[in-house]
PDB file of N, CA and C in Angstrom:
ATOM      1  N   MET A   1       0.842  -1.179   0.000  1.00  0.00           N
ATOM      2  CA  MET A   1       0.000   0.000   0.000  1.00  0.00           C
ATOM      3  C   MET A   1       0.889   1.244   0.000  1.00  0.00           C
ATOM      4  N   ALA A   2       0.490   2.249  -0.756  1.00  0.00           N
ATOM      5  CA  ALA A   2       1.248   3.501  -0.849  1.00  0.00           C
ATOM      6  C   ALA A   2       1.171   4.267   0.468  1.00  0.00           C
ATOM      7  N   THR A   3       2.244   4.975   0.771  1.00  0.00           N
ATOM      8  CA  THR A   3       2.266   5.823   1.953  1.00  0.00           C
ATOM      9  C   THR A   3       1.502   7.099   1.658  1.00  0.00           C
ATOM     10  N   LEU A   4       0.565   7.434   2.517  1.00  0.00           N
ATOM     11  CA  LEU A   4      -0.220   8.647   2.345  1.00  0.00           C
ATOM     12  C   LEU A   4       0.304   9.739   3.255  1.00  0.00           C
ATOM     13  N   GLN A   5       0.264  10.968   2.770  1.00  0.00           N
ATOM     14  CA  GLN A   5       0.615  12.130   3.572  1.00  0.00           C
ATOM     15  C   GLN A   5      -0.497  13.144   3.424  1.00  0.00           C
ATOM     16  N   LEU A   6      -0.771  13.853   4.472  1.00  0.00           N
ATOM     17  CA  LEU A   6      -1.760  14.913   4.392  1.00  0.00           C
ATOM     18  C   LEU A   6      -1.212  16.015   3.502  1.00  0.00           C
ATOM     19  N   ASN A   7      -1.969  16.413   2.483  1.00  0.00           N
ATOM     20  CA  ASN A   7      -1.551  17.459   1.563  1.00  0.00           C
ATOM     21  C   ASN A   7      -2.148  18.792   1.946  1.00  0.00           C
ATOM     22  N   HIS A   8      -3.480  18.821   2.108  1.00  0.00           N
ATOM     23  CA  HIS A   8      -4.119  20.068   2.511  1.00  0.00           C
ATOM     24  C   HIS A   8      -5.465  19.791   3.162  1.00  0.00           C
ATOM     25  N   ILE A   9      -5.937  20.783   3.858  1.00  0.00           N
ATOM     26  CA  ILE A   9      -7.271  20.789   4.444  1.00  0.00           C
ATOM     27  C   ILE A   9      -7.985  21.961   3.801  1.00  0.00           C
ATOM     28  N   ALA A  10      -9.184  21.757   3.290  1.00  0.00           N
ATOM     29  CA  ALA A  10      -9.947  22.830   2.663  1.00  0.00           C
ATOM     30  C   ALA A  10     -11.088  23.240   3.581  1.00  0.00           C
ATOM     31  N   ARG A  11     -11.289  24.538   3.676  1.00  0.00           N
ATOM     32  CA  ARG A  11     -12.358  25.062   4.520  1.00  0.00           C
ATOM     33  C   ARG A  11     -13.066  26.168   3.767  1.00  0.00           C
ATOM     34  N   GLU A  12     -14.379  26.050   3.639  1.00  0.00           N
ATOM     35  CA  GLU A  12     -15.125  27.109   2.972  1.00  0.00           C
ATOM     36  C   GLU A  12     -15.492  28.180   3.993  1.00  0.00           C
ATOM     37  N   THR A  13     -15.614  29.409   3.504  1.00  0.00           N
ATOM     38  CA  THR A  13     -15.920  30.534   4.377  1.00  0.00           C
ATOM     39  C   THR A  13     -16.586  31.633   3.562  1.00  0.00           C
ATOM     40  N   SER A  14     -17.377  32.439   4.221  1.00  0.00           N
ATOM     41  CA  SER A  14     -17.988  33.579   3.530  1.00  0.00           C
ATOM     42  C   SER A  14     -17.046  34.774   3.491  1.00  0.00           C
ATOM     43  N   ASP A  15     -15.952  34.742   4.272  1.00  0.00           N
ATOM     44  CA  ASP A  15     -15.011  35.867   4.334  1.00  0.00           C
ATOM     45  C   ASP A  15     -13.577  35.338   4.348  1.00  0.00           C
ATOM     46  N   VAL A  16     -13.034  35.099   3.164  1.00  0.00           N
ATOM     47  CA  VAL A  16     -11.692  34.521   3.026  1.00  0.00           C
ATOM     48  C   VAL A  16     -10.642  35.391   3.706  1.00  0.00           C
ATOM     49  N   ALA A  17     -10.680  36.698   3.474  1.00  0.00           N
ATOM     50  CA  ALA A  17      -9.659  37.596   4.034  1.00  0.00           C
ATOM     51  C   ALA A  17      -9.669  37.569   5.557  1.00  0.00           C
ATOM     52  N   ARG A  18     -10.849  37.603   6.150  1.00  0.00           N
ATOM     53  CA  ARG A  18     -10.955  37.613   7.615  1.00  0.00           C
ATOM     54  C   ARG A  18     -10.431  36.307   8.213  1.00  0.00           C
ATOM     55  N   LEU A  19     -10.820  35.165   7.629  1.00  0.00           N
ATOM     56  CA  LEU A  19     -10.380  33.884   8.161  1.00  0.00           C
ATOM     57  C   LEU A  19      -8.878  33.692   7.953  1.00  0.00           C
ATOM     58  N   ALA A  20      -8.358  34.119   6.803  1.00  0.00           N
ATOM     59  CA  ALA A  20      -6.916  34.027   6.559  1.00  0.00           C
ATOM     60  C   ALA A  20      -6.155  34.867   7.577  1.00  0.00           C
ATOM     61  N   ALA A  21      -6.646  36.063   7.865  1.00  0.00           N
ATOM     62  CA  ALA A  21      -5.991  36.937   8.848  1.00  0.00           C
ATOM     63  C   ALA A  21      -5.960  36.276  10.220  1.00  0.00           C
ATOM     64  N   PHE A  22      -7.031  35.573  10.598  1.00  0.00           N
ATOM     65  CA  PHE A  22      -7.063  34.863  11.878  1.00  0.00           C
ATOM     66  C   PHE A  22      -5.977  33.790  11.920  1.00  0.00           C
ATOM     67  N   TYR A  23      -5.918  32.943  10.889  1.00  0.00           N
ATOM     68  CA  TYR A  23      -4.919  31.873  10.878  1.00  0.00           C
ATOM     69  C   TYR A  23      -3.496  32.432  10.866  1.00  0.00           C
ATOM     70  N   GLU A  24      -3.290  33.557  10.187  1.00  0.00           N
ATOM     71  CA  GLU A  24      -1.955  34.162  10.146  1.00  0.00           C
ATOM     72  C   GLU A  24      -1.590  34.793  11.491  1.00  0.00           C
ATOM     73  N   ALA A  25      -2.476  35.615  12.049  1.00  0.00           N
ATOM     74  CA  ALA A  25      -2.163  36.372  13.266  1.00  0.00           C
ATOM     75  C   ALA A  25      -2.179  35.512  14.519  1.00  0.00           C
ATOM     76  N   VAL A  26      -3.138  34.614  14.631  1.00  0.00           N
ATOM     77  CA  VAL A  26      -3.306  33.853  15.868  1.00  0.00           C
ATOM     78  C   VAL A  26      -2.523  32.548  15.864  1.00  0.00           C
ATOM     79  N   LEU A  27      -2.477  31.861  14.724  1.00  0.00           N
ATOM     80  CA  LEU A  27      -1.852  30.543  14.673  1.00  0.00           C
ATOM     81  C   LEU A  27      -0.528  30.515  13.920  1.00  0.00           C
ATOM     82  N   GLY A  28      -0.114  31.645  13.346  1.00  0.00           N
ATOM     83  CA  GLY A  28       1.190  31.728  12.702  1.00  0.00           C
ATOM     84  C   GLY A  28       1.286  31.092  11.324  1.00  0.00           C
ATOM     85  N   PHE A  29       0.161  30.842  10.669  1.00  0.00           N
ATOM     86  CA  PHE A  29       0.208  30.299   9.313  1.00  0.00           C
ATOM     87  C   PHE A  29       0.856  31.315   8.380  1.00  0.00           C
ATOM     88  N   GLU A  30       1.457  30.811   7.302  1.00  0.00           N
ATOM     89  CA  GLU A  30       2.090  31.672   6.305  1.00  0.00           C
ATOM     90  C   GLU A  30       1.330  31.546   4.990  1.00  0.00           C
ATOM     91  N   ARG A  31       1.084  32.676   4.347  1.00  0.00           N
ATOM     92  CA  ARG A  31       0.390  32.653   3.059  1.00  0.00           C
ATOM     93  C   ARG A  31       1.360  32.163   1.984  1.00  0.00           C
ATOM     94  N   VAL A  32       0.869  31.299   1.103  1.00  0.00           N
ATOM     95  CA  VAL A  32       1.663  30.784  -0.013  1.00  0.00           C
ATOM     96  C   VAL A  32       0.906  31.080  -1.309  1.00  0.00           C
ATOM     97  N   PRO A  33       1.597  31.025  -2.452  1.00  0.00           N
ATOM     98  CA  PRO A  33       0.916  31.323  -3.717  1.00  0.00           C
ATOM     99  C   PRO A  33      -0.302  30.420  -3.925  1.00  0.00           C
ATOM    100  N   SER A  34      -1.350  31.023  -4.447  1.00  0.00           N
ATOM    101  CA  SER A  34      -2.571  30.272  -4.725  1.00  0.00           C
ATOM    102  C   SER A  34      -3.068  30.644  -6.118  1.00  0.00           C
ATOM    103  N   PRO A  35      -3.844  29.764  -6.725  1.00  0.00           N
ATOM    104  CA  PRO A  35      -4.377  30.074  -8.052  1.00  0.00           C
ATOM    105  C   PRO A  35      -5.411  31.193  -7.978  1.00  0.00           C
ATOM    106  N   THR A  36      -5.661  31.813  -9.105  1.00  0.00           N
ATOM    107  CA  THR A  36      -6.699  32.832  -9.209  1.00  0.00           C
ATOM    108  C   THR A  36      -7.887  32.211  -9.923  1.00  0.00           C
ATOM    109  N   TYR A  37      -9.041  32.321  -9.302  1.00  0.00           N
ATOM    110  CA  TYR A  37     -10.263  31.778  -9.892  1.00  0.00           C
ATOM    111  C   TYR A  37     -11.193  32.915 -10.255  1.00  0.00           C
ATOM    112  N   SER A  38     -11.982  32.716 -11.274  1.00  0.00           N
ATOM    113  CA  SER A  38     -12.963  33.708 -11.693  1.00  0.00           C
ATOM    114  C   SER A  38     -14.231  33.508 -10.870  1.00  0.00           C
ATOM    115  N   GLY A  39     -14.640  34.544 -10.155  1.00  0.00           N
ATOM    116  CA  GLY A  39     -15.905  34.477  -9.444  1.00  0.00           C
ATOM    117  C   GLY A  39     -15.840  34.144  -7.974  1.00  0.00           C
ATOM    118  N   PHE A  40     -14.680  33.727  -7.477  1.00  0.00           N
ATOM    119  CA  PHE A  40     -14.577  33.489  -6.035  1.00  0.00           C
ATOM    120  C   PHE A  40     -13.129  33.616  -5.577  1.00  0.00           C
ATOM    121  N   GLN A  41     -12.980  33.906  -4.286  1.00  0.00           N
ATOM    122  CA  GLN A  41     -11.651  34.122  -3.710  1.00  0.00           C
ATOM    123  C   GLN A  41     -11.155  32.865  -3.007  1.00  0.00           C
ATOM    124  N   VAL A  42      -9.837  32.741  -2.963  1.00  0.00           N
ATOM    125  CA  VAL A  42      -9.196  31.670  -2.204  1.00  0.00           C
ATOM    126  C   VAL A  42      -7.959  32.235  -1.524  1.00  0.00           C
ATOM    127  N   ALA A  43      -7.504  31.537  -0.511  1.00  0.00           N
ATOM    128  CA  ALA A  43      -6.215  31.830   0.123  1.00  0.00           C
ATOM    129  C   ALA A  43      -5.603  30.494   0.512  1.00  0.00           C
ATOM    130  N   TRP A  44      -4.360  30.280   0.126  1.00  0.00           N
ATOM    131  CA  TRP A  44      -3.638  29.074   0.500  1.00  0.00           C
ATOM    132  C   TRP A  44      -2.667  29.475   1.605  1.00  0.00           C
ATOM    133  N   LEU A  45      -2.672  28.719   2.683  1.00  0.00           N
ATOM    134  CA  LEU A  45      -1.800  28.985   3.823  1.00  0.00           C
ATOM    135  C   LEU A  45      -0.996  27.732   4.130  1.00  0.00           C
ATOM    136  N   ARG A  46       0.200  27.939   4.680  1.00  0.00           N
ATOM    137  CA  ARG A  46       1.054  26.805   5.048  1.00  0.00           C
ATOM    138  C   ARG A  46       1.064  26.656   6.556  1.00  0.00           C
ATOM    139  N   LEU A  47       0.939  25.430   7.004  1.00  0.00           N
ATOM    140  CA  LEU A  47       1.006  25.114   8.420  1.00  0.00           C
ATOM    141  C   LEU A  47       2.405  25.426   8.931  1.00  0.00           C
ATOM    142  N   PRO A  48       2.530  26.176  10.025  1.00  0.00           N
ATOM    143  CA  PRO A  48       3.857  26.532  10.536  1.00  0.00           C
ATOM    144  C   PRO A  48       4.712  25.287  10.795  1.00  0.00           C
ATOM    145  N   GLY A  49       5.939  25.308  10.305  1.00  0.00           N
ATOM    146  CA  GLY A  49       6.877  24.211  10.540  1.00  0.00           C
ATOM    147  C   GLY A  49       6.595  22.958   9.727  1.00  0.00           C
ATOM    148  N   SER A  50       5.657  23.018   8.821  1.00  0.00           N
ATOM    149  CA  SER A  50       5.309  21.848   8.024  1.00  0.00           C
ATOM    150  C   SER A  50       5.057  22.274   6.582  1.00  0.00           C
ATOM    151  N   PRO A  51       6.102  22.337   5.775  1.00  0.00           N
ATOM    152  CA  PRO A  51       5.939  22.822   4.402  1.00  0.00           C
ATOM    153  C   PRO A  51       5.056  21.933   3.532  1.00  0.00           C
ATOM    154  N   ASP A  52       4.756  20.727   3.984  1.00  0.00           N
ATOM    155  CA  ASP A  52       3.979  19.800   3.167  1.00  0.00           C
ATOM    156  C   ASP A  52       2.478  19.845   3.423  1.00  0.00           C
ATOM    157  N   VAL A  53       2.041  20.586   4.438  1.00  0.00           N
ATOM    158  CA  VAL A  53       0.612  20.626   4.769  1.00  0.00           C
ATOM    159  C   VAL A  53       0.092  22.043   4.585  1.00  0.00           C
ATOM    160  N   ALA A  54      -0.968  22.176   3.793  1.00  0.00           N
ATOM    161  CA  ALA A  54      -1.541  23.494   3.527  1.00  0.00           C
ATOM    162  C   ALA A  54      -2.991  23.545   3.988  1.00  0.00           C
ATOM    163  N   LEU A  55      -3.456  24.753   4.221  1.00  0.00           N
ATOM    164  CA  LEU A  55      -4.857  25.017   4.519  1.00  0.00           C
ATOM    165  C   LEU A  55      -5.391  25.844   3.361  1.00  0.00           C
ATOM    166  N   HIS A  56      -6.407  25.345   2.685  1.00  0.00           N
ATOM    167  CA  HIS A  56      -7.013  26.051   1.560  1.00  0.00           C
ATOM    168  C   HIS A  56      -8.323  26.668   2.026  1.00  0.00           C
ATOM    169  N   LEU A  57      -8.384  27.988   2.020  1.00  0.00           N
ATOM    170  CA  LEU A  57      -9.607  28.705   2.369  1.00  0.00           C
ATOM    171  C   LEU A  57     -10.293  29.084   1.070  1.00  0.00           C
ATOM    172  N   ILE A  58     -11.543  28.711   0.939  1.00  0.00           N
ATOM    173  CA  ILE A  58     -12.280  28.885  -0.310  1.00  0.00           C
ATOM    174  C   ILE A  58     -13.581  29.616  -0.021  1.00  0.00           C
ATOM    175  N   GLU A  59     -13.843  30.658  -0.813  1.00  0.00           N
ATOM    176  CA  GLU A  59     -15.074  31.420  -0.614  1.00  0.00           C
ATOM    177  C   GLU A  59     -16.296  30.540  -0.868  1.00  0.00           C
ATOM    178  N   ARG A  60     -17.204  30.550   0.092  1.00  0.00           N
ATOM    179  CA  ARG A  60     -18.436  29.763  -0.009  1.00  0.00           C
ATOM    180  C   ARG A  60     -19.284  30.258  -1.177  1.00  0.00           C
ATOM    181  N   ASP A  61     -19.840  29.330  -1.918  1.00  0.00           N
ATOM    182  CA  ASP A  61     -20.723  29.661  -3.035  1.00  0.00           C
ATOM    183  C   ASP A  61     -22.080  30.063  -2.468  1.00  0.00           C
ATOM    184  N   PRO A  62     -22.492  31.334  -2.649  1.00  0.00           N
ATOM    185  CA  PRO A  62     -23.766  31.764  -2.075  1.00  0.00           C
ATOM    186  C   PRO A  62     -24.969  31.043  -2.683  1.00  0.00           C
ATOM    187  N   ALA A  63     -24.800  30.424  -3.852  1.00  0.00           N
ATOM    188  CA  ALA A  63     -25.899  29.693  -4.482  1.00  0.00           C
ATOM    189  C   ALA A  63     -25.983  28.247  -4.001  1.00  0.00           C
ATOM    190  N   ALA A  64     -24.992  27.810  -3.241  1.00  0.00           N
ATOM    191  CA  ALA A  64     -24.977  26.432  -2.757  1.00  0.00           C
ATOM    192  C   ALA A  64     -26.062  26.235  -1.705  1.00  0.00           C
ATOM    193  N   ALA A  65     -26.458  25.004  -1.535  1.00  0.00           N
ATOM    194  CA  ALA A  65     -27.460  24.688  -0.519  1.00  0.00           C
ATOM    195  C   ALA A  65     -26.943  25.114   0.850  1.00  0.00           C
ATOM    196  N   PRO A  66     -27.817  25.646   1.689  1.00  0.00           N
ATOM    197  CA  PRO A  66     -27.375  26.068   3.016  1.00  0.00           C
ATOM    198  C   PRO A  66     -26.941  24.882   3.859  1.00  0.00           C
ATOM    199  N   VAL A  67     -26.061  25.167   4.803  1.00  0.00           N
ATOM    200  CA  VAL A  67     -25.608  24.141   5.735  1.00  0.00           C
ATOM    201  C   VAL A  67     -26.788  23.779   6.629  1.00  0.00           C
ATOM    202  N   ALA A  68     -26.969  22.510   6.894  1.00  0.00           N
ATOM    203  CA  ALA A  68     -28.080  22.066   7.729  1.00  0.00           C
ATOM    204  C   ALA A  68     -27.956  22.613   9.149  1.00  0.00           C
ATOM    205  N   VAL A  69     -29.085  22.821   9.784  1.00  0.00           N
ATOM    206  CA  VAL A  69     -29.103  23.269  11.172  1.00  0.00           C
ATOM    207  C   VAL A  69     -28.779  22.076  12.052  1.00  0.00           C
ATOM    208  N   GLY A  70     -27.978  22.305  13.075  1.00  0.00           N
ATOM    209  CA  GLY A  70     -27.600  21.247  13.996  1.00  0.00           C
ATOM    210  C   GLY A  70     -26.098  21.214  14.128  1.00  0.00           C
ATOM    211  N   PRO A  71     -25.544  20.168  14.762  1.00  0.00           N
ATOM    212  CA  PRO A  71     -24.092  20.093  14.884  1.00  0.00           C
ATOM    213  C   PRO A  71     -23.441  20.244  13.513  1.00  0.00           C
ATOM    214  N   GLY A  72     -22.495  21.136  13.410  1.00  0.00           N
ATOM    215  CA  GLY A  72     -21.830  21.409  12.148  1.00  0.00           C
ATOM    216  C   GLY A  72     -22.362  22.654  11.474  1.00  0.00           C
ATOM    217  N   ALA A  73     -23.456  23.198  11.955  1.00  0.00           N
ATOM    218  CA  ALA A  73     -24.027  24.402  11.366  1.00  0.00           C
ATOM    219  C   ALA A  73     -23.432  25.632  12.021  1.00  0.00           C
ATOM    220  N   GLU A  74     -23.281  26.701  11.225  1.00  0.00           N
ATOM    221  CA  GLU A  74     -22.806  27.953  11.801  1.00  0.00           C
ATOM    222  C   GLU A  74     -23.821  28.431  12.817  1.00  0.00           C
ATOM    223  N   GLY A  75     -23.344  28.989  13.899  1.00  0.00           N
ATOM    224  CA  GLY A  75     -24.225  29.499  14.929  1.00  0.00           C
ATOM    225  C   GLY A  75     -24.685  28.437  15.904  1.00  0.00           C
ATOM    226  N   ALA A  76     -24.179  27.224  15.776  1.00  0.00           N
ATOM    227  CA  ALA A  76     -24.546  26.176  16.724  1.00  0.00           C
ATOM    228  C   ALA A  76     -24.008  26.543  18.101  1.00  0.00           C
ATOM    229  N   PRO A  77     -24.655  26.087  19.163  1.00  0.00           N
ATOM    230  CA  PRO A  77     -24.167  26.385  20.511  1.00  0.00           C
ATOM    231  C   PRO A  77     -22.725  25.905  20.691  1.00  0.00           C
ATOM    232  N   PRO A  78     -21.911  26.655  21.461  1.00  0.00           N
ATOM    233  CA  PRO A  78     -20.504  26.274  21.644  1.00  0.00           C
ATOM    234  C   PRO A  78     -20.303  24.846  22.135  1.00  0.00           C
ATOM    235  N   ALA A  79     -21.211  24.328  22.935  1.00  0.00           N
ATOM    236  CA  ALA A  79     -21.056  22.964  23.440  1.00  0.00           C
ATOM    237  C   ALA A  79     -21.108  21.929  22.319  1.00  0.00           C
ATOM    238  N   GLN A  80     -21.617  22.302  21.144  1.00  0.00           N
ATOM    239  CA  GLN A  80     -21.671  21.375  20.016  1.00  0.00           C
ATOM    240  C   GLN A  80     -20.404  21.424  19.161  1.00  0.00           C
ATOM    241  N   LEU A  81     -19.494  22.355  19.459  1.00  0.00           N
ATOM    242  CA  LEU A  81     -18.280  22.492  18.647  1.00  0.00           C
ATOM    243  C   LEU A  81     -17.497  21.195  18.487  1.00  0.00           C
ATOM    244  N   PRO A  82     -17.351  20.353  19.531  1.00  0.00           N
ATOM    245  CA  PRO A  82     -16.567  19.133  19.339  1.00  0.00           C
ATOM    246  C   PRO A  82     -17.119  18.215  18.256  1.00  0.00           C
ATOM    247  N   ARG A  83     -18.392  18.331  17.930  1.00  0.00           N
ATOM    248  CA  ARG A  83     -18.991  17.465  16.916  1.00  0.00           C
ATOM    249  C   ARG A  83     -19.111  18.139  15.568  1.00  0.00           C
ATOM    250  N   ARG A  84     -18.634  19.365  15.455  1.00  0.00           N
ATOM    251  CA  ARG A  84     -18.685  20.099  14.191  1.00  0.00           C
ATOM    252  C   ARG A  84     -17.413  19.831  13.393  1.00  0.00           C
ATOM    253  N   HIS A  85     -17.431  20.225  12.125  1.00  0.00           N
ATOM    254  CA  HIS A  85     -16.199  20.165  11.340  1.00  0.00           C
ATOM    255  C   HIS A  85     -15.169  21.028  12.046  1.00  0.00           C
ATOM    256  N   HIS A  86     -13.967  20.525  12.179  1.00  0.00           N
ATOM    257  CA  HIS A  86     -12.952  21.313  12.870  1.00  0.00           C
ATOM    258  C   HIS A  86     -11.555  20.853  12.471  1.00  0.00           C
ATOM    259  N   LEU A  87     -10.590  21.695  12.798  1.00  0.00           N
ATOM    260  CA  LEU A  87      -9.177  21.370  12.637  1.00  0.00           C
ATOM    261  C   LEU A  87      -8.606  21.262  14.036  1.00  0.00           C
ATOM    262  N   ALA A  88      -7.702  20.340  14.240  1.00  0.00           N
ATOM    263  CA  ALA A  88      -7.103  20.163  15.563  1.00  0.00           C
ATOM    264  C   ALA A  88      -5.593  20.359  15.478  1.00  0.00           C
ATOM    265  N   PHE A  89      -5.065  21.111  16.430  1.00  0.00           N
ATOM    266  CA  PHE A  89      -3.635  21.373  16.513  1.00  0.00           C
ATOM    267  C   PHE A  89      -3.169  21.071  17.930  1.00  0.00           C
ATOM    268  N   SER A  90      -1.931  20.661  18.077  1.00  0.00           N
ATOM    269  CA  SER A  90      -1.333  20.449  19.390  1.00  0.00           C
ATOM    270  C   SER A  90      -0.417  21.616  19.714  1.00  0.00           C
ATOM    271  N   VAL A  91      -0.355  21.984  20.984  1.00  0.00           N
ATOM    272  CA  VAL A  91       0.552  23.041  21.429  1.00  0.00           C
ATOM    273  C   VAL A  91       1.294  22.555  22.664  1.00  0.00           C
ATOM    274  N   ALA A  92       2.530  23.013  22.835  1.00  0.00           N
ATOM    275  CA  ALA A  92       3.333  22.612  23.987  1.00  0.00           C
ATOM    276  C   ALA A  92       2.839  23.273  25.268  1.00  0.00           C
ATOM    277  N   ASP A  93       2.365  24.512  25.180  1.00  0.00           N
ATOM    278  CA  ASP A  93       1.917  25.267  26.353  1.00  0.00           C
ATOM    279  C   ASP A  93       0.438  25.608  26.198  1.00  0.00           C
ATOM    280  N   TYR A  94      -0.412  24.677  26.591  1.00  0.00           N
ATOM    281  CA  TYR A  94      -1.855  24.858  26.439  1.00  0.00           C
ATOM    282  C   TYR A  94      -2.335  26.109  27.171  1.00  0.00           C
ATOM    283  N   ASP A  95      -1.965  26.242  28.438  1.00  0.00           N
ATOM    284  CA  ASP A  95      -2.445  27.384  29.228  1.00  0.00           C
ATOM    285  C   ASP A  95      -2.009  28.711  28.621  1.00  0.00           C
ATOM    286  N   GLY A  96      -0.768  28.804  28.175  1.00  0.00           N
ATOM    287  CA  GLY A  96      -0.279  30.034  27.558  1.00  0.00           C
ATOM    288  C   GLY A  96      -1.001  30.337  26.259  1.00  0.00           C
ATOM    289  N   PHE A  97      -1.268  29.296  25.484  1.00  0.00           N
ATOM    290  CA  PHE A  97      -1.970  29.475  24.217  1.00  0.00           C
ATOM    291  C   PHE A  97      -3.390  29.976  24.456  1.00  0.00           C
ATOM    292  N   VAL A  98      -4.098  29.365  25.404  1.00  0.00           N
ATOM    293  CA  VAL A  98      -5.473  29.769  25.716  1.00  0.00           C
ATOM    294  C   VAL A  98      -5.497  31.190  26.261  1.00  0.00           C
ATOM    295  N   THR A  99      -4.535  31.535  27.104  1.00  0.00           N
ATOM    296  CA  THR A  99      -4.453  32.897  27.631  1.00  0.00           C
ATOM    297  C   THR A  99      -4.296  33.894  26.486  1.00  0.00           C
ATOM    298  N   GLY A 100      -3.446  33.567  25.511  1.00  0.00           N
ATOM    299  CA  GLY A 100      -3.249  34.439  24.354  1.00  0.00           C
ATOM    300  C   GLY A 100      -4.510  34.594  23.520  1.00  0.00           C
ATOM    301  N   LEU A 101      -5.242  33.500  23.330  1.00  0.00           N
ATOM    302  CA  LEU A 101      -6.498  33.576  22.578  1.00  0.00           C
ATOM    303  C   LEU A 101      -7.505  34.470  23.292  1.00  0.00           C
ATOM    304  N   LYS A 102      -7.633  34.274  24.596  1.00  0.00           N
ATOM    305  CA  LYS A 102      -8.589  35.078  25.372  1.00  0.00           C
ATOM    306  C   LYS A 102      -8.199  36.548  25.366  1.00  0.00           C
ATOM    307  N   ALA A 103      -6.894  36.836  25.404  1.00  0.00           N
ATOM    308  CA  ALA A 103      -6.430  38.228  25.377  1.00  0.00           C
ATOM    309  C   ALA A 103      -6.812  38.906  24.062  1.00  0.00           C
ATOM    310  N   ARG A 104      -6.948  38.119  22.996  1.00  0.00           N
ATOM    311  CA  ARG A 104      -7.357  38.657  21.691  1.00  0.00           C
ATOM    312  C   ARG A 104      -8.877  38.769  21.570  1.00  0.00           C
ATOM    313  N   GLY A 105      -9.578  38.340  22.616  1.00  0.00           N
ATOM    314  CA  GLY A 105     -11.033  38.407  22.584  1.00  0.00           C
ATOM    315  C   GLY A 105     -11.680  37.223  21.891  1.00  0.00           C
ATOM    316  N   THR A 106     -10.927  36.143  21.701  1.00  0.00           N
ATOM    317  CA  THR A 106     -11.465  34.957  21.043  1.00  0.00           C
ATOM    318  C   THR A 106     -12.383  34.207  22.001  1.00  0.00           C
ATOM    319  N   GLU A 107     -13.608  33.948  21.566  1.00  0.00           N
ATOM    320  CA  GLU A 107     -14.565  33.195  22.376  1.00  0.00           C
ATOM    321  C   GLU A 107     -14.222  31.715  22.274  1.00  0.00           C
ATOM    322  N   LEU A 108     -14.078  31.055  23.416  1.00  0.00           N
ATOM    323  CA  LEU A 108     -13.653  29.658  23.453  1.00  0.00           C
ATOM    324  C   LEU A 108     -14.662  28.776  24.166  1.00  0.00           C
ATOM    325  N   PHE A 109     -14.649  27.507  23.805  1.00  0.00           N
ATOM    326  CA  PHE A 109     -15.331  26.462  24.553  1.00  0.00           C
ATOM    327  C   PHE A 109     -14.230  25.482  24.920  1.00  0.00           C
ATOM    328  N   GLU A 110     -14.048  25.223  26.210  1.00  0.00           N
ATOM    329  CA  GLU A 110     -12.988  24.322  26.652  1.00  0.00           C
ATOM    330  C   GLU A 110     -13.575  23.012  27.158  1.00  0.00           C
ATOM    331  N   LYS A 111     -12.828  21.943  26.917  1.00  0.00           N
ATOM    332  CA  LYS A 111     -13.287  20.613  27.289  1.00  0.00           C
ATOM    333  C   LYS A 111     -12.076  19.751  27.617  1.00  0.00           C
ATOM    334  N   THR A 112     -12.227  18.868  28.596  1.00  0.00           N
ATOM    335  CA  THR A 112     -11.206  17.871  28.908  1.00  0.00           C
ATOM    336  C   THR A 112     -11.758  16.515  28.496  1.00  0.00           C
ATOM    337  N   GLN A 113     -10.958  15.748  27.773  1.00  0.00           N
ATOM    338  CA  GLN A 113     -11.383  14.426  27.318  1.00  0.00           C
ATOM    339  C   GLN A 113     -11.497  13.471  28.509  1.00  0.00           C
ATOM    340  N   PRO A 114     -12.236  12.372  28.348  1.00  0.00           N
ATOM    341  CA  PRO A 114     -12.418  11.423  29.449  1.00  0.00           C
ATOM    342  C   PRO A 114     -11.116  10.873  30.035  1.00  0.00           C
ATOM    343  N   ASP A 115     -10.027  10.879  29.259  1.00  0.00           N
ATOM    344  CA  ASP A 115      -8.756  10.378  29.802  1.00  0.00           C
ATOM    345  C   ASP A 115      -8.187  11.301  30.874  1.00  0.00           C
ATOM    346  N   GLY A 116      -8.743  12.516  30.995  1.00  0.00           N
ATOM    347  CA  GLY A 116      -8.298  13.467  32.014  1.00  0.00           C
ATOM    348  C   GLY A 116      -7.013  14.194  31.667  1.00  0.00           C
ATOM    349  N   ARG A 117      -6.346  13.812  30.590  1.00  0.00           N
ATOM    350  CA  ARG A 117      -5.066  14.427  30.216  1.00  0.00           C
ATOM    351  C   ARG A 117      -5.195  15.348  29.016  1.00  0.00           C
ATOM    352  N   THR A 118      -6.118  15.059  28.136  1.00  0.00           N
ATOM    353  CA  THR A 118      -6.246  15.821  26.899  1.00  0.00           C
ATOM    354  C   THR A 118      -7.233  16.962  27.092  1.00  0.00           C
ATOM    355  N   ARG A 119      -6.707  18.187  26.991  1.00  0.00           N
ATOM    356  CA  ARG A 119      -7.557  19.372  27.112  1.00  0.00           C
ATOM    357  C   ARG A 119      -7.708  19.995  25.736  1.00  0.00           C
ATOM    358  N   GLN A 120      -8.890  20.538  25.493  1.00  0.00           N
ATOM    359  CA  GLN A 120      -9.184  21.131  24.194  1.00  0.00           C
ATOM    360  C   GLN A 120      -9.788  22.512  24.378  1.00  0.00           C
ATOM    361  N   ALA A 121      -9.407  23.408  23.488  1.00  0.00           N
ATOM    362  CA  ALA A 121     -10.012  24.740  23.410  1.00  0.00           C
ATOM    363  C   ALA A 121     -10.520  24.891  21.990  1.00  0.00           C
ATOM    364  N   MET A 122     -11.794  25.174  21.851  1.00  0.00           N
ATOM    365  CA  MET A 122     -12.394  25.317  20.528  1.00  0.00           C
ATOM    366  C   MET A 122     -12.863  26.741  20.336  1.00  0.00           C
ATOM    367  N   ALA A 123     -12.544  27.285  19.152  1.00  0.00           N
ATOM    368  CA  ALA A 123     -12.914  28.674  18.868  1.00  0.00           C
ATOM    369  C   ALA A 123     -13.710  28.742  17.588  1.00  0.00           C
TER     370      ALA A 123
END
């Protein structure tokens, strides 16, 4: 069987510039060259310290079917975030990272996994 590597994660958004700015300012992503498309915006970002993994932000098609209401829908209650589409990152200093997010005014939902060791902050 061939060895697989993660190439990119794609995320649709109604505001590419705003979401790209968040990933750059808060998580340290770096913008990389991206193709130009007619009719919609994109931004390609590189995961810090990992030149092989990219995040592709793609402008949501306003004519597309709306996202269903419930877990995974925009505006869902914060307690439903763990069951929504999400990206997960590890950090060496969880408390320092969360403090930095809160200082920026980022609204978080925090959870500890049943193992008691894994803590999560979702924004």
